[in-house]
Amino acid sequence: MSETPSLAGKVALVTGASRGIGKGIAIALAREGATVYVTGRTVNEGDYYLPGTVGQTARECTDAGGRGIAVACDHADDDQVAALFAQIRAQDGRLDILVNNAFLLSEDLIEPGGFWEKPFGQP
């Protein structure tokens, strides 16, 4: 069984990391010493019906041993995404790891019933 290599000095971006899988991945990367840019749309607790914010995840990344950097970003907005990558380039000069976890949860998917009973949505 081999040890996981250290990620000290590596720069990661985890999109959609305010909560859930993205948050877990961000903290795991930080635990290995990575600088982790944490993005999401939720900046203030209570802005979304589920708990979690980009700032909270970034603090937990720092507490885990890495360096967490919170960046509010709506990945549906190309200008915000371009600004995010410009910030990463200016602050760290590179990006080693990208975890593209951001997604938009359609409100009809949280209603009772099986996913197969839901409308397909917009093309």
PDB file of N, CA and C in Angstrom:
ATOM      1  N   MET A   1       0.843  -1.180   0.000  1.00  0.00           N
ATOM      2  CA  MET A   1       0.000   0.000   0.000  1.00  0.00           C
ATOM      3  C   MET A   1       0.888   1.243   0.000  1.00  0.00           C
ATOM      4  N   SER A   2       0.730   2.102  -1.003  1.00  0.00           N
ATOM      5  CA  SER A   2       1.568   3.286  -1.089  1.00  0.00           C
ATOM      6  C   SER A   2       0.890   4.478  -0.420  1.00  0.00           C
ATOM      7  N   GLU A   3       1.708   5.408   0.047  1.00  0.00           N
ATOM      8  CA  GLU A   3       1.178   6.619   0.651  1.00  0.00           C
ATOM      9  C   GLU A   3       0.740   7.587  -0.436  1.00  0.00           C
ATOM     10  N   THR A   4      -0.254   8.392  -0.093  1.00  0.00           N
ATOM     11  CA  THR A   4      -0.692   9.432  -1.007  1.00  0.00           C
ATOM     12  C   THR A   4       0.398  10.487  -1.086  1.00  0.00           C
ATOM     13  N   PRO A   5       0.781  10.894  -2.291  1.00  0.00           N
ATOM     14  CA  PRO A   5       1.835  11.912  -2.399  1.00  0.00           C
ATOM     15  C   PRO A   5       1.356  13.244  -1.833  1.00  0.00           C
ATOM     16  N   SER A   6       2.271  13.979  -1.278  1.00  0.00           N
ATOM     17  CA  SER A   6       1.974  15.291  -0.724  1.00  0.00           C
ATOM     18  C   SER A   6       1.630  16.256  -1.852  1.00  0.00           C
ATOM     19  N   LEU A   7       0.698  17.133  -1.588  1.00  0.00           N
ATOM     20  CA  LEU A   7       0.310  18.140  -2.573  1.00  0.00           C
ATOM     21  C   LEU A   7       0.818  19.522  -2.184  1.00  0.00           C
ATOM     22  N   ALA A   8       1.768  19.557  -1.270  1.00  0.00           N
ATOM     23  CA  ALA A   8       2.346  20.846  -0.884  1.00  0.00           C
ATOM     24  C   ALA A   8       2.902  21.541  -2.112  1.00  0.00           C
ATOM     25  N   GLY A   9       2.570  22.816  -2.269  1.00  0.00           N
ATOM     26  CA  GLY A   9       3.032  23.583  -3.409  1.00  0.00           C
ATOM     27  C   GLY A   9       2.132  23.481  -4.623  1.00  0.00           C
ATOM     28  N   LYS A  10       1.153  22.608  -4.590  1.00  0.00           N
ATOM     29  CA  LYS A  10       0.226  22.463  -5.714  1.00  0.00           C
ATOM     30  C   LYS A  10      -0.944  23.424  -5.534  1.00  0.00           C
ATOM     31  N   VAL A  11      -1.515  23.853  -6.659  1.00  0.00           N
ATOM     32  CA  VAL A  11      -2.639  24.787  -6.663  1.00  0.00           C
ATOM     33  C   VAL A  11      -3.838  24.076  -7.277  1.00  0.00           C
ATOM     34  N   ALA A  12      -4.939  24.070  -6.524  1.00  0.00           N
ATOM     35  CA  ALA A  12      -6.153  23.390  -6.964  1.00  0.00           C
ATOM     36  C   ALA A  12      -7.322  24.366  -7.020  1.00  0.00           C
ATOM     37  N   LEU A  13      -8.259  24.064  -7.887  1.00  0.00           N
ATOM     38  CA  LEU A  13      -9.528  24.773  -7.956  1.00  0.00           C
ATOM     39  C   LEU A  13     -10.625  23.744  -7.845  1.00  0.00           C
ATOM     40  N   VAL A  14     -11.525  23.940  -6.885  1.00  0.00           N
ATOM     41  CA  VAL A  14     -12.690  23.071  -6.745  1.00  0.00           C
ATOM     42  C   VAL A  14     -13.923  23.951  -6.906  1.00  0.00           C
ATOM     43  N   THR A  15     -14.650  23.743  -7.998  1.00  0.00           N
ATOM     44  CA  THR A  15     -15.863  24.511  -8.242  1.00  0.00           C
ATOM     45  C   THR A  15     -17.019  23.869  -7.487  1.00  0.00           C
ATOM     46  N   GLY A  16     -17.985  24.688  -7.106  1.00  0.00           N
ATOM     47  CA  GLY A  16     -19.143  24.157  -6.390  1.00  0.00           C
ATOM     48  C   GLY A  16     -18.758  23.545  -5.060  1.00  0.00           C
ATOM     49  N   ALA A  17     -17.928  24.248  -4.295  1.00  0.00           N
ATOM     50  CA  ALA A  17     -17.374  23.672  -3.066  1.00  0.00           C
ATOM     51  C   ALA A  17     -17.950  24.271  -1.786  1.00  0.00           C
ATOM     52  N   SER A  18     -19.096  24.912  -1.872  1.00  0.00           N
ATOM     53  CA  SER A  18     -19.720  25.443  -0.658  1.00  0.00           C
ATOM     54  C   SER A  18     -20.202  24.336   0.264  1.00  0.00           C
ATOM     55  N   ARG A  19     -20.509  23.197  -0.313  1.00  0.00           N
ATOM     56  CA  ARG A  19     -21.086  22.091   0.461  1.00  0.00           C
ATOM     57  C   ARG A  19     -20.919  20.794  -0.318  1.00  0.00           C
ATOM     58  N   GLY A  20     -21.306  19.708   0.283  1.00  0.00           N
ATOM     59  CA  GLY A  20     -21.387  18.418  -0.399  1.00  0.00           C
ATOM     60  C   GLY A  20     -20.056  17.864  -0.869  1.00  0.00           C
ATOM     61  N   ILE A  21     -20.107  17.212  -2.017  1.00  0.00           N
ATOM     62  CA  ILE A  21     -18.932  16.535  -2.567  1.00  0.00           C
ATOM     63  C   ILE A  21     -17.793  17.515  -2.825  1.00  0.00           C
ATOM     64  N   GLY A  22     -18.107  18.676  -3.379  1.00  0.00           N
ATOM     65  CA  GLY A  22     -17.071  19.673  -3.650  1.00  0.00           C
ATOM     66  C   GLY A  22     -16.347  20.095  -2.391  1.00  0.00           C
ATOM     67  N   LYS A  23     -17.097  20.314  -1.319  1.00  0.00           N
ATOM     68  CA  LYS A  23     -16.490  20.692  -0.044  1.00  0.00           C
ATOM     69  C   LYS A  23     -15.572  19.578   0.455  1.00  0.00           C
ATOM     70  N   GLY A  24     -16.029  18.356   0.380  1.00  0.00           N
ATOM     71  CA  GLY A  24     -15.214  17.224   0.830  1.00  0.00           C
ATOM     72  C   GLY A  24     -13.928  17.085   0.041  1.00  0.00           C
ATOM     73  N   ILE A  25     -14.013  17.263  -1.267  1.00  0.00           N
ATOM     74  CA  ILE A  25     -12.821  17.171  -2.110  1.00  0.00           C
ATOM     75  C   ILE A  25     -11.854  18.307  -1.782  1.00  0.00           C
ATOM     76  N   ALA A  26     -12.385  19.517  -1.615  1.00  0.00           N
ATOM     77  CA  ALA A  26     -11.530  20.671  -1.295  1.00  0.00           C
ATOM     78  C   ALA A  26     -10.766  20.445   0.007  1.00  0.00           C
ATOM     79  N   ILE A  27     -11.442  19.967   1.026  1.00  0.00           N
ATOM     80  CA  ILE A  27     -10.794  19.729   2.318  1.00  0.00           C
ATOM     81  C   ILE A  27      -9.769  18.604   2.209  1.00  0.00           C
ATOM     82  N   ALA A  28     -10.082  17.568   1.441  1.00  0.00           N
ATOM     83  CA  ALA A  28      -9.131  16.463   1.261  1.00  0.00           C
ATOM     84  C   ALA A  28      -7.856  16.944   0.561  1.00  0.00           C
ATOM     85  N   LEU A  29      -7.994  17.795  -0.451  1.00  0.00           N
ATOM     86  CA  LEU A  29      -6.817  18.342  -1.128  1.00  0.00           C
ATOM     87  C   LEU A  29      -6.006  19.221  -0.177  1.00  0.00           C
ATOM     88  N   ALA A  30      -6.689  20.017   0.618  1.00  0.00           N
ATOM     89  CA  ALA A  30      -6.007  20.886   1.587  1.00  0.00           C
ATOM     90  C   ALA A  30      -5.286  20.064   2.650  1.00  0.00           C
ATOM     91  N   ARG A  31      -5.891  18.978   3.043  1.00  0.00           N
ATOM     92  CA  ARG A  31      -5.279  18.104   4.052  1.00  0.00           C
ATOM     93  C   ARG A  31      -3.923  17.591   3.573  1.00  0.00           C
ATOM     94  N   GLU A  32      -3.767  17.497   2.252  1.00  0.00           N
ATOM     95  CA  GLU A  32      -2.499  17.064   1.655  1.00  0.00           C
ATOM     96  C   GLU A  32      -1.567  18.234   1.378  1.00  0.00           C
ATOM     97  N   GLY A  33      -1.977  19.454   1.792  1.00  0.00           N
ATOM     98  CA  GLY A  33      -1.103  20.604   1.700  1.00  0.00           C
ATOM     99  C   GLY A  33      -1.327  21.532   0.525  1.00  0.00           C
ATOM    100  N   ALA A  34      -2.334  21.277  -0.281  1.00  0.00           N
ATOM    101  CA  ALA A  34      -2.569  22.104  -1.471  1.00  0.00           C
ATOM    102  C   ALA A  34      -3.152  23.468  -1.112  1.00  0.00           C
ATOM    103  N   THR A  35      -2.888  24.429  -1.976  1.00  0.00           N
ATOM    104  CA  THR A  35      -3.642  25.679  -1.977  1.00  0.00           C
ATOM    105  C   THR A  35      -4.908  25.379  -2.754  1.00  0.00           C
ATOM    106  N   VAL A  36      -6.062  25.671  -2.162  1.00  0.00           N
ATOM    107  CA  VAL A  36      -7.331  25.308  -2.791  1.00  0.00           C
ATOM    108  C   VAL A  36      -8.199  26.549  -2.974  1.00  0.00           C
ATOM    109  N   TYR A  37      -8.459  26.871  -4.235  1.00  0.00           N
ATOM    110  CA  TYR A  37      -9.439  27.906  -4.550  1.00  0.00           C
ATOM    111  C   TYR A  37     -10.807  27.243  -4.489  1.00  0.00           C
ATOM    112  N   VAL A  38     -11.666  27.791  -3.657  1.00  0.00           N
ATOM    113  CA  VAL A  38     -12.992  27.248  -3.401  1.00  0.00           C
ATOM    114  C   VAL A  38     -14.005  28.195  -4.042  1.00  0.00           C
ATOM    115  N   THR A  39     -14.790  27.701  -5.004  1.00  0.00           N
ATOM    116  CA  THR A  39     -15.775  28.576  -5.620  1.00  0.00           C
ATOM    117  C   THR A  39     -17.185  28.073  -5.390  1.00  0.00           C
ATOM    118  N   GLY A  40     -18.099  29.013  -5.477  1.00  0.00           N
ATOM    119  CA  GLY A  40     -19.520  28.736  -5.342  1.00  0.00           C
ATOM    120  C   GLY A  40     -20.268  30.049  -5.325  1.00  0.00           C
ATOM    121  N   ARG A  41     -21.574  29.954  -5.335  1.00  0.00           N
ATOM    122  CA  ARG A  41     -22.396  31.159  -5.342  1.00  0.00           C
ATOM    123  C   ARG A  41     -22.809  31.595  -3.945  1.00  0.00           C
ATOM    124  N   THR A  42     -22.721  30.694  -2.973  1.00  0.00           N
ATOM    125  CA  THR A  42     -23.197  31.021  -1.630  1.00  0.00           C
ATOM    126  C   THR A  42     -22.092  31.684  -0.822  1.00  0.00           C
ATOM    127  N   VAL A  43     -22.311  32.958  -0.516  1.00  0.00           N
ATOM    128  CA  VAL A  43     -21.334  33.737   0.241  1.00  0.00           C
ATOM    129  C   VAL A  43     -21.772  33.882   1.695  1.00  0.00           C
ATOM    130  N   ASN A  44     -23.063  34.063   1.917  1.00  0.00           N
ATOM    131  CA  ASN A  44     -23.598  34.266   3.267  1.00  0.00           C
ATOM    132  C   ASN A  44     -24.491  33.109   3.666  1.00  0.00           C
ATOM    133  N   GLU A  45     -24.310  32.631   4.876  1.00  0.00           N
ATOM    134  CA  GLU A  45     -25.175  31.578   5.407  1.00  0.00           C
ATOM    135  C   GLU A  45     -26.611  32.076   5.340  1.00  0.00           C
ATOM    136  N   GLY A  46     -27.507  31.243   4.841  1.00  0.00           N
ATOM    137  CA  GLY A  46     -28.901  31.628   4.708  1.00  0.00           C
ATOM    138  C   GLY A  46     -29.275  32.106   3.314  1.00  0.00           C
ATOM    139  N   ASP A  47     -28.276  32.361   2.455  1.00  0.00           N
ATOM    140  CA  ASP A  47     -28.572  32.773   1.078  1.00  0.00           C
ATOM    141  C   ASP A  47     -29.163  31.618   0.271  1.00  0.00           C
ATOM    142  N   TYR A  48     -28.920  30.406   0.718  1.00  0.00           N
ATOM    143  CA  TYR A  48     -29.398  29.207   0.043  1.00  0.00           C
ATOM    144  C   TYR A  48     -30.047  28.327   1.098  1.00  0.00           C
ATOM    145  N   TYR A  49     -30.963  27.489   0.706  1.00  0.00           N
ATOM    146  CA  TYR A  49     -31.689  26.687   1.692  1.00  0.00           C
ATOM    147  C   TYR A  49     -30.843  25.592   2.338  1.00  0.00           C
ATOM    148  N   LEU A  50     -29.710  25.260   1.746  1.00  0.00           N
ATOM    149  CA  LEU A  50     -28.795  24.296   2.360  1.00  0.00           C
ATOM    150  C   LEU A  50     -27.660  25.049   3.043  1.00  0.00           C
ATOM    151  N   PRO A  51     -27.098  24.499   4.117  1.00  0.00           N
ATOM    152  CA  PRO A  51     -25.999  25.181   4.807  1.00  0.00           C
ATOM    153  C   PRO A  51     -24.697  25.125   4.018  1.00  0.00           C
ATOM    154  N   GLY A  52     -23.811  26.075   4.301  1.00  0.00           N
ATOM    155  CA  GLY A  52     -22.485  26.089   3.708  1.00  0.00           C
ATOM    156  C   GLY A  52     -22.240  27.321   2.862  1.00  0.00           C
ATOM    157  N   THR A  53     -21.004  27.824   2.939  1.00  0.00           N
ATOM    158  CA  THR A  53     -20.586  28.974   2.141  1.00  0.00           C
ATOM    159  C   THR A  53     -19.176  28.733   1.621  1.00  0.00           C
ATOM    160  N   VAL A  54     -18.775  29.507   0.614  1.00  0.00           N
ATOM    161  CA  VAL A  54     -17.416  29.370   0.106  1.00  0.00           C
ATOM    162  C   VAL A  54     -16.397  29.776   1.168  1.00  0.00           C
ATOM    163  N   GLY A  55     -16.714  30.786   1.952  1.00  0.00           N
ATOM    164  CA  GLY A  55     -15.801  31.224   3.006  1.00  0.00           C
ATOM    165  C   GLY A  55     -15.603  30.175   4.075  1.00  0.00           C
ATOM    166  N   GLN A  56     -16.684  29.518   4.460  1.00  0.00           N
ATOM    167  CA  GLN A  56     -16.594  28.462   5.477  1.00  0.00           C
ATOM    168  C   GLN A  56     -15.716  27.313   4.976  1.00  0.00           C
ATOM    169  N   THR A  57     -15.929  26.899   3.733  1.00  0.00           N
ATOM    170  CA  THR A  57     -15.113  25.811   3.182  1.00  0.00           C
ATOM    171  C   THR A  57     -13.652  26.222   3.096  1.00  0.00           C
ATOM    172  N   ALA A  58     -13.382  27.453   2.666  1.00  0.00           N
ATOM    173  CA  ALA A  58     -11.990  27.926   2.578  1.00  0.00           C
ATOM    174  C   ALA A  58     -11.330  27.917   3.954  1.00  0.00           C
ATOM    175  N   ARG A  59     -12.051  28.356   4.982  1.00  0.00           N
ATOM    176  CA  ARG A  59     -11.486  28.315   6.349  1.00  0.00           C
ATOM    177  C   ARG A  59     -11.190  26.886   6.784  1.00  0.00           C
ATOM    178  N   GLU A  60     -12.088  25.969   6.451  1.00  0.00           N
ATOM    179  CA  GLU A  60     -11.867  24.558   6.803  1.00  0.00           C
ATOM    180  C   GLU A  60     -10.677  23.988   6.039  1.00  0.00           C
ATOM    181  N   CYS A  61     -10.449  24.454   4.828  1.00  0.00           N
ATOM    182  CA  CYS A  61      -9.271  24.022   4.066  1.00  0.00           C
ATOM    183  C   CYS A  61      -7.999  24.495   4.766  1.00  0.00           C
ATOM    184  N   THR A  62      -7.986  25.729   5.202  1.00  0.00           N
ATOM    185  CA  THR A  62      -6.822  26.265   5.913  1.00  0.00           C
ATOM    186  C   THR A  62      -6.618  25.517   7.226  1.00  0.00           C
ATOM    187  N   ASP A  63      -7.702  25.270   7.933  1.00  0.00           N
ATOM    188  CA  ASP A  63      -7.618  24.521   9.195  1.00  0.00           C
ATOM    189  C   ASP A  63      -7.107  23.102   8.986  1.00  0.00           C
ATOM    190  N   ALA A  64      -7.344  22.544   7.796  1.00  0.00           N
ATOM    191  CA  ALA A  64      -6.926  21.173   7.494  1.00  0.00           C
ATOM    192  C   ALA A  64      -5.451  21.085   7.123  1.00  0.00           C
ATOM    193  N   GLY A  65      -4.788  22.234   6.955  1.00  0.00           N
ATOM    194  CA  GLY A  65      -3.355  22.203   6.669  1.00  0.00           C
ATOM    195  C   GLY A  65      -2.957  22.784   5.331  1.00  0.00           C
ATOM    196  N   GLY A  66      -3.917  23.118   4.503  1.00  0.00           N
ATOM    197  CA  GLY A  66      -3.608  23.744   3.213  1.00  0.00           C
ATOM    198  C   GLY A  66      -3.837  25.238   3.301  1.00  0.00           C
ATOM    199  N   ARG A  67      -4.096  25.822   2.165  1.00  0.00           N
ATOM    200  CA  ARG A  67      -4.433  27.243   2.116  1.00  0.00           C
ATOM    201  C   ARG A  67      -5.723  27.363   1.327  1.00  0.00           C
ATOM    202  N   GLY A  68      -6.800  27.746   2.014  1.00  0.00           N
ATOM    203  CA  GLY A  68      -8.092  27.886   1.367  1.00  0.00           C
ATOM    204  C   GLY A  68      -8.328  29.317   0.934  1.00  0.00           C
ATOM    205  N   ILE A  69      -8.798  29.490  -0.297  1.00  0.00           N
ATOM    206  CA  ILE A  69      -9.092  30.814  -0.840  1.00  0.00           C
ATOM    207  C   ILE A  69     -10.515  30.789  -1.381  1.00  0.00           C
ATOM    208  N   ALA A  70     -11.393  31.572  -0.762  1.00  0.00           N
ATOM    209  CA  ALA A  70     -12.792  31.635  -1.189  1.00  0.00           C
ATOM    210  C   ALA A  70     -12.952  32.629  -2.327  1.00  0.00           C
ATOM    211  N   VAL A  71     -13.653  32.206  -3.369  1.00  0.00           N
ATOM    212  CA  VAL A  71     -13.963  33.094  -4.488  1.00  0.00           C
ATOM    213  C   VAL A  71     -15.429  32.887  -4.857  1.00  0.00           C
ATOM    214  N   ALA A  72     -16.237  33.929  -4.664  1.00  0.00           N
ATOM    215  CA  ALA A  72     -17.632  33.860  -5.097  1.00  0.00           C
ATOM    216  C   ALA A  72     -17.649  33.851  -6.616  1.00  0.00           C
ATOM    217  N   CYS A  73     -18.289  32.843  -7.190  1.00  0.00           N
ATOM    218  CA  CYS A  73     -18.285  32.729  -8.652  1.00  0.00           C
ATOM    219  C   CYS A  73     -19.512  31.958  -9.108  1.00  0.00           C
ATOM    220  N   ASP A  74     -20.248  32.550 -10.022  1.00  0.00           N
ATOM    221  CA  ASP A  74     -21.337  31.860 -10.702  1.00  0.00           C
ATOM    222  C   ASP A  74     -20.750  31.350 -12.009  1.00  0.00           C
ATOM    223  N   HIS A  75     -20.562  30.062 -12.123  1.00  0.00           N
ATOM    224  CA  HIS A  75     -19.889  29.489 -13.286  1.00  0.00           C
ATOM    225  C   HIS A  75     -20.735  29.534 -14.555  1.00  0.00           C
ATOM    226  N   ALA A  76     -21.960  30.028 -14.460  1.00  0.00           N
ATOM    227  CA  ALA A  76     -22.773  30.262 -15.651  1.00  0.00           C
ATOM    228  C   ALA A  76     -22.451  31.629 -16.270  1.00  0.00           C
ATOM    229  N   ASP A  77     -21.638  32.420 -15.575  1.00  0.00           N
ATOM    230  CA  ASP A  77     -21.268  33.759 -16.032  1.00  0.00           C
ATOM    231  C   ASP A  77     -19.817  33.731 -16.513  1.00  0.00           C
ATOM    232  N   ASP A  78     -19.618  33.803 -17.822  1.00  0.00           N
ATOM    233  CA  ASP A  78     -18.273  33.699 -18.401  1.00  0.00           C
ATOM    234  C   ASP A  78     -17.315  34.759 -17.868  1.00  0.00           C
ATOM    235  N   ASP A  79     -17.813  35.968 -17.610  1.00  0.00           N
ATOM    236  CA  ASP A  79     -16.943  37.030 -17.094  1.00  0.00           C
ATOM    237  C   ASP A  79     -16.433  36.697 -15.694  1.00  0.00           C
ATOM    238  N   GLN A  80     -17.288  36.109 -14.859  1.00  0.00           N
ATOM    239  CA  GLN A  80     -16.857  35.716 -13.518  1.00  0.00           C
ATOM    240  C   GLN A  80     -15.832  34.588 -13.588  1.00  0.00           C
ATOM    241  N   VAL A  81     -16.025  33.666 -14.495  1.00  0.00           N
ATOM    242  CA  VAL A  81     -15.069  32.561 -14.658  1.00  0.00           C
ATOM    243  C   VAL A  81     -13.725  33.094 -15.148  1.00  0.00           C
ATOM    244  N   ALA A  82     -13.755  34.014 -16.092  1.00  0.00           N
ATOM    245  CA  ALA A  82     -12.506  34.610 -16.591  1.00  0.00           C
ATOM    246  C   ALA A  82     -11.787  35.357 -15.474  1.00  0.00           C
ATOM    247  N   ALA A  83     -12.534  36.072 -14.646  1.00  0.00           N
ATOM    248  CA  ALA A  83     -11.933  36.796 -13.519  1.00  0.00           C
ATOM    249  C   ALA A  83     -11.319  35.825 -12.516  1.00  0.00           C
ATOM    250  N   LEU A  84     -11.966  34.695 -12.292  1.00  0.00           N
ATOM    251  CA  LEU A  84     -11.436  33.671 -11.388  1.00  0.00           C
ATOM    252  C   LEU A  84     -10.082  33.171 -11.880  1.00  0.00           C
ATOM    253  N   PHE A  85      -9.991  32.818 -13.153  1.00  0.00           N
ATOM    254  CA  PHE A  85      -8.728  32.304 -13.682  1.00  0.00           C
ATOM    255  C   PHE A  85      -7.649  33.386 -13.712  1.00  0.00           C
ATOM    256  N   ALA A  86      -8.050  34.621 -13.938  1.00  0.00           N
ATOM    257  CA  ALA A  86      -7.085  35.729 -13.878  1.00  0.00           C
ATOM    258  C   ALA A  86      -6.552  35.883 -12.454  1.00  0.00           C
ATOM    259  N   GLN A  87      -7.425  35.724 -11.460  1.00  0.00           N
ATOM    260  CA  GLN A  87      -6.994  35.805 -10.061  1.00  0.00           C
ATOM    261  C   GLN A  87      -6.013  34.685  -9.723  1.00  0.00           C
ATOM    262  N   ILE A  88      -6.321  33.470 -10.139  1.00  0.00           N
ATOM    263  CA  ILE A  88      -5.428  32.337  -9.877  1.00  0.00           C
ATOM    264  C   ILE A  88      -4.071  32.580 -10.539  1.00  0.00           C
ATOM    265  N   ARG A  89      -4.088  33.038 -11.782  1.00  0.00           N
ATOM    266  CA  ARG A  89      -2.839  33.311 -12.507  1.00  0.00           C
ATOM    267  C   ARG A  89      -2.034  34.393 -11.792  1.00  0.00           C
ATOM    268  N   ALA A  90      -2.703  35.465 -11.359  1.00  0.00           N
ATOM    269  CA  ALA A  90      -2.007  36.580 -10.704  1.00  0.00           C
ATOM    270  C   ALA A  90      -1.453  36.181  -9.337  1.00  0.00           C
ATOM    271  N   GLN A  91      -2.198  35.389  -8.590  1.00  0.00           N
ATOM    272  CA  GLN A  91      -1.783  35.055  -7.229  1.00  0.00           C
ATOM    273  C   GLN A  91      -0.832  33.866  -7.157  1.00  0.00           C
ATOM    274  N   ASP A  92      -1.030  32.875  -8.026  1.00  0.00           N
ATOM    275  CA  ASP A  92      -0.236  31.651  -7.918  1.00  0.00           C
ATOM    276  C   ASP A  92       0.495  31.257  -9.193  1.00  0.00           C
ATOM    277  N   GLY A  93       0.167  31.887 -10.311  1.00  0.00           N
ATOM    278  CA  GLY A  93       0.906  31.644 -11.542  1.00  0.00           C
ATOM    279  C   GLY A  93       0.589  30.367 -12.283  1.00  0.00           C
ATOM    280  N   ARG A  94      -0.241  29.526 -11.710  1.00  0.00           N
ATOM    281  CA  ARG A  94      -0.565  28.267 -12.385  1.00  0.00           C
ATOM    282  C   ARG A  94      -1.736  27.578 -11.692  1.00  0.00           C
ATOM    283  N   LEU A  95      -2.241  26.542 -12.333  1.00  0.00           N
ATOM    284  CA  LEU A  95      -3.278  25.689 -11.762  1.00  0.00           C
ATOM    285  C   LEU A  95      -2.867  24.251 -12.036  1.00  0.00           C
ATOM    286  N   ASP A  96      -2.707  23.465 -10.980  1.00  0.00           N
ATOM    287  CA  ASP A  96      -2.276  22.073 -11.124  1.00  0.00           C
ATOM    288  C   ASP A  96      -3.439  21.085 -11.148  1.00  0.00           C
ATOM    289  N   ILE A  97      -4.497  21.397 -10.416  1.00  0.00           N
ATOM    290  CA  ILE A  97      -5.616  20.456 -10.255  1.00  0.00           C
ATOM    291  C   ILE A  97      -6.920  21.214 -10.442  1.00  0.00           C
ATOM    292  N   LEU A  98      -7.795  20.690 -11.295  1.00  0.00           N
ATOM    293  CA  LEU A  98      -9.122  21.257 -11.471  1.00  0.00           C
ATOM    294  C   LEU A  98     -10.160  20.186 -11.176  1.00  0.00           C
ATOM    295  N   VAL A  99     -11.048  20.484 -10.239  1.00  0.00           N
ATOM    296  CA  VAL A  99     -12.181  19.610  -9.946  1.00  0.00           C
ATOM    297  C   VAL A  99     -13.427  20.409 -10.299  1.00  0.00           C
ATOM    298  N   ASN A 100     -14.021  20.080 -11.427  1.00  0.00           N
ATOM    299  CA  ASN A 100     -15.178  20.816 -11.919  1.00  0.00           C
ATOM    300  C   ASN A 100     -16.443  20.162 -11.368  1.00  0.00           C
ATOM    301  N   ASN A 101     -16.881  20.636 -10.219  1.00  0.00           N
ATOM    302  CA  ASN A 101     -17.988  20.045  -9.505  1.00  0.00           C
ATOM    303  C   ASN A 101     -19.248  20.907  -9.522  1.00  0.00           C
ATOM    304  N   ALA A 102     -19.173  22.129 -10.007  1.00  0.00           N
ATOM    305  CA  ALA A 102     -20.322  23.041  -9.986  1.00  0.00           C
ATOM    306  C   ALA A 102     -21.441  22.504 -10.876  1.00  0.00           C
ATOM    307  N   PHE A 103     -22.648  22.663 -10.392  1.00  0.00           N
ATOM    308  CA  PHE A 103     -23.819  22.288 -11.182  1.00  0.00           C
ATOM    309  C   PHE A 103     -25.010  23.082 -10.689  1.00  0.00           C
ATOM    310  N   LEU A 104     -26.052  23.118 -11.480  1.00  0.00           N
ATOM    311  CA  LEU A 104     -27.278  23.809 -11.119  1.00  0.00           C
ATOM    312  C   LEU A 104     -28.332  22.761 -10.831  1.00  0.00           C
ATOM    313  N   LEU A 105     -28.800  22.740  -9.607  1.00  0.00           N
ATOM    314  CA  LEU A 105     -29.821  21.786  -9.201  1.00  0.00           C
ATOM    315  C   LEU A 105     -31.185  22.372  -9.516  1.00  0.00           C
ATOM    316  N   SER A 106     -31.862  21.759 -10.447  1.00  0.00           N
ATOM    317  CA  SER A 106     -33.199  22.205 -10.828  1.00  0.00           C
ATOM    318  C   SER A 106     -34.152  21.986  -9.659  1.00  0.00           C
ATOM    319  N   GLU A 107     -34.996  22.968  -9.402  1.00  0.00           N
ATOM    320  CA  GLU A 107     -35.941  22.885  -8.273  1.00  0.00           C
ATOM    321  C   GLU A 107     -36.840  21.661  -8.368  1.00  0.00           C
ATOM    322  N   ASP A 108     -37.218  21.246  -9.585  1.00  0.00           N
ATOM    323  CA  ASP A 108     -38.109  20.099  -9.705  1.00  0.00           C
ATOM    324  C   ASP A 108     -37.431  18.794  -9.273  1.00  0.00           C
ATOM    325  N   LEU A 109     -36.111  18.775  -9.226  1.00  0.00           N
ATOM    326  CA  LEU A 109     -35.410  17.563  -8.799  1.00  0.00           C
ATOM    327  C   LEU A 109     -35.457  17.348  -7.290  1.00  0.00           C
ATOM    328  N   ILE A 110     -35.779  18.392  -6.523  1.00  0.00           N
ATOM    329  CA  ILE A 110     -35.864  18.218  -5.074  1.00  0.00           C
ATOM    330  C   ILE A 110     -37.286  17.937  -4.606  1.00  0.00           C
ATOM    331  N   GLU A 111     -38.226  17.938  -5.540  1.00  0.00           N
ATOM    332  CA  GLU A 111     -39.609  17.577  -5.224  1.00  0.00           C
ATOM    333  C   GLU A 111     -39.697  16.060  -5.068  1.00  0.00           C
ATOM    334  N   PRO A 112     -40.664  15.573  -4.279  1.00  0.00           N
ATOM    335  CA  PRO A 112     -40.821  14.122  -4.115  1.00  0.00           C
ATOM    336  C   PRO A 112     -41.035  13.416  -5.453  1.00  0.00           C
ATOM    337  N   GLY A 113     -40.567  12.184  -5.526  1.00  0.00           N
ATOM    338  CA  GLY A 113     -40.736  11.378  -6.726  1.00  0.00           C
ATOM    339  C   GLY A 113     -39.394  10.986  -7.318  1.00  0.00           C
ATOM    340  N   GLY A 114     -39.424   9.985  -8.162  1.00  0.00           N
ATOM    341  CA  GLY A 114     -38.215   9.490  -8.803  1.00  0.00           C
ATOM    342  C   GLY A 114     -37.736  10.426  -9.888  1.00  0.00           C
ATOM    343  N   PHE A 115     -36.438  10.452 -10.131  1.00  0.00           N
ATOM    344  CA  PHE A 115     -35.877  11.332 -11.158  1.00  0.00           C
ATOM    345  C   PHE A 115     -36.452  11.008 -12.530  1.00  0.00           C
ATOM    346  N   TRP A 116     -36.812   9.747 -12.758  1.00  0.00           N
ATOM    347  CA  TRP A 116     -37.348   9.325 -14.041  1.00  0.00           C
ATOM    348  C   TRP A 116     -38.750   9.882 -14.284  1.00  0.00           C
ATOM    349  N   GLU A 117     -39.364  10.422 -13.234  1.00  0.00           N
ATOM    350  CA  GLU A 117     -40.693  11.017 -13.366  1.00  0.00           C
ATOM    351  C   GLU A 117     -40.631  12.535 -13.595  1.00  0.00           C
ATOM    352  N   LYS A 118     -39.437  13.064 -13.641  1.00  0.00           N
ATOM    353  CA  LYS A 118     -39.227  14.508 -13.770  1.00  0.00           C
ATOM    354  C   LYS A 118     -39.160  14.910 -15.239  1.00  0.00           C
ATOM    355  N   PRO A 119     -39.502  16.165 -15.532  1.00  0.00           N
ATOM    356  CA  PRO A 119     -39.366  16.635 -16.924  1.00  0.00           C
ATOM    357  C   PRO A 119     -37.888  16.740 -17.310  1.00  0.00           C
ATOM    358  N   PHE A 120     -37.630  16.641 -18.605  1.00  0.00           N
ATOM    359  CA  PHE A 120     -36.255  16.717 -19.107  1.00  0.00           C
ATOM    360  C   PHE A 120     -35.656  18.090 -18.953  1.00  0.00           C
ATOM    361  N   GLY A 121     -36.436  19.120 -18.868  1.00  0.00           N
ATOM    362  CA  GLY A 121     -35.913  20.472 -18.753  1.00  0.00           C
ATOM    363  C   GLY A 121     -35.688  21.079 -20.109  1.00  0.00           C
ATOM    364  N   GLN A 122     -34.943  22.155 -20.109  1.00  0.00           N
ATOM    365  CA  GLN A 122     -34.696  22.872 -21.349  1.00  0.00           C
ATOM    366  C   GLN A 122     -33.502  22.286 -22.064  1.00  0.00           C
ATOM    367  N   PRO A 123     -33.560  22.235 -23.396  1.00  0.00           N
ATOM    368  CA  PRO A 123     -32.429  21.681 -24.159  1.00  0.00           C
ATOM    369  C   PRO A 123     -31.209  22.567 -24.084  1.00  0.00           C
TER     370      PRO A 123
END
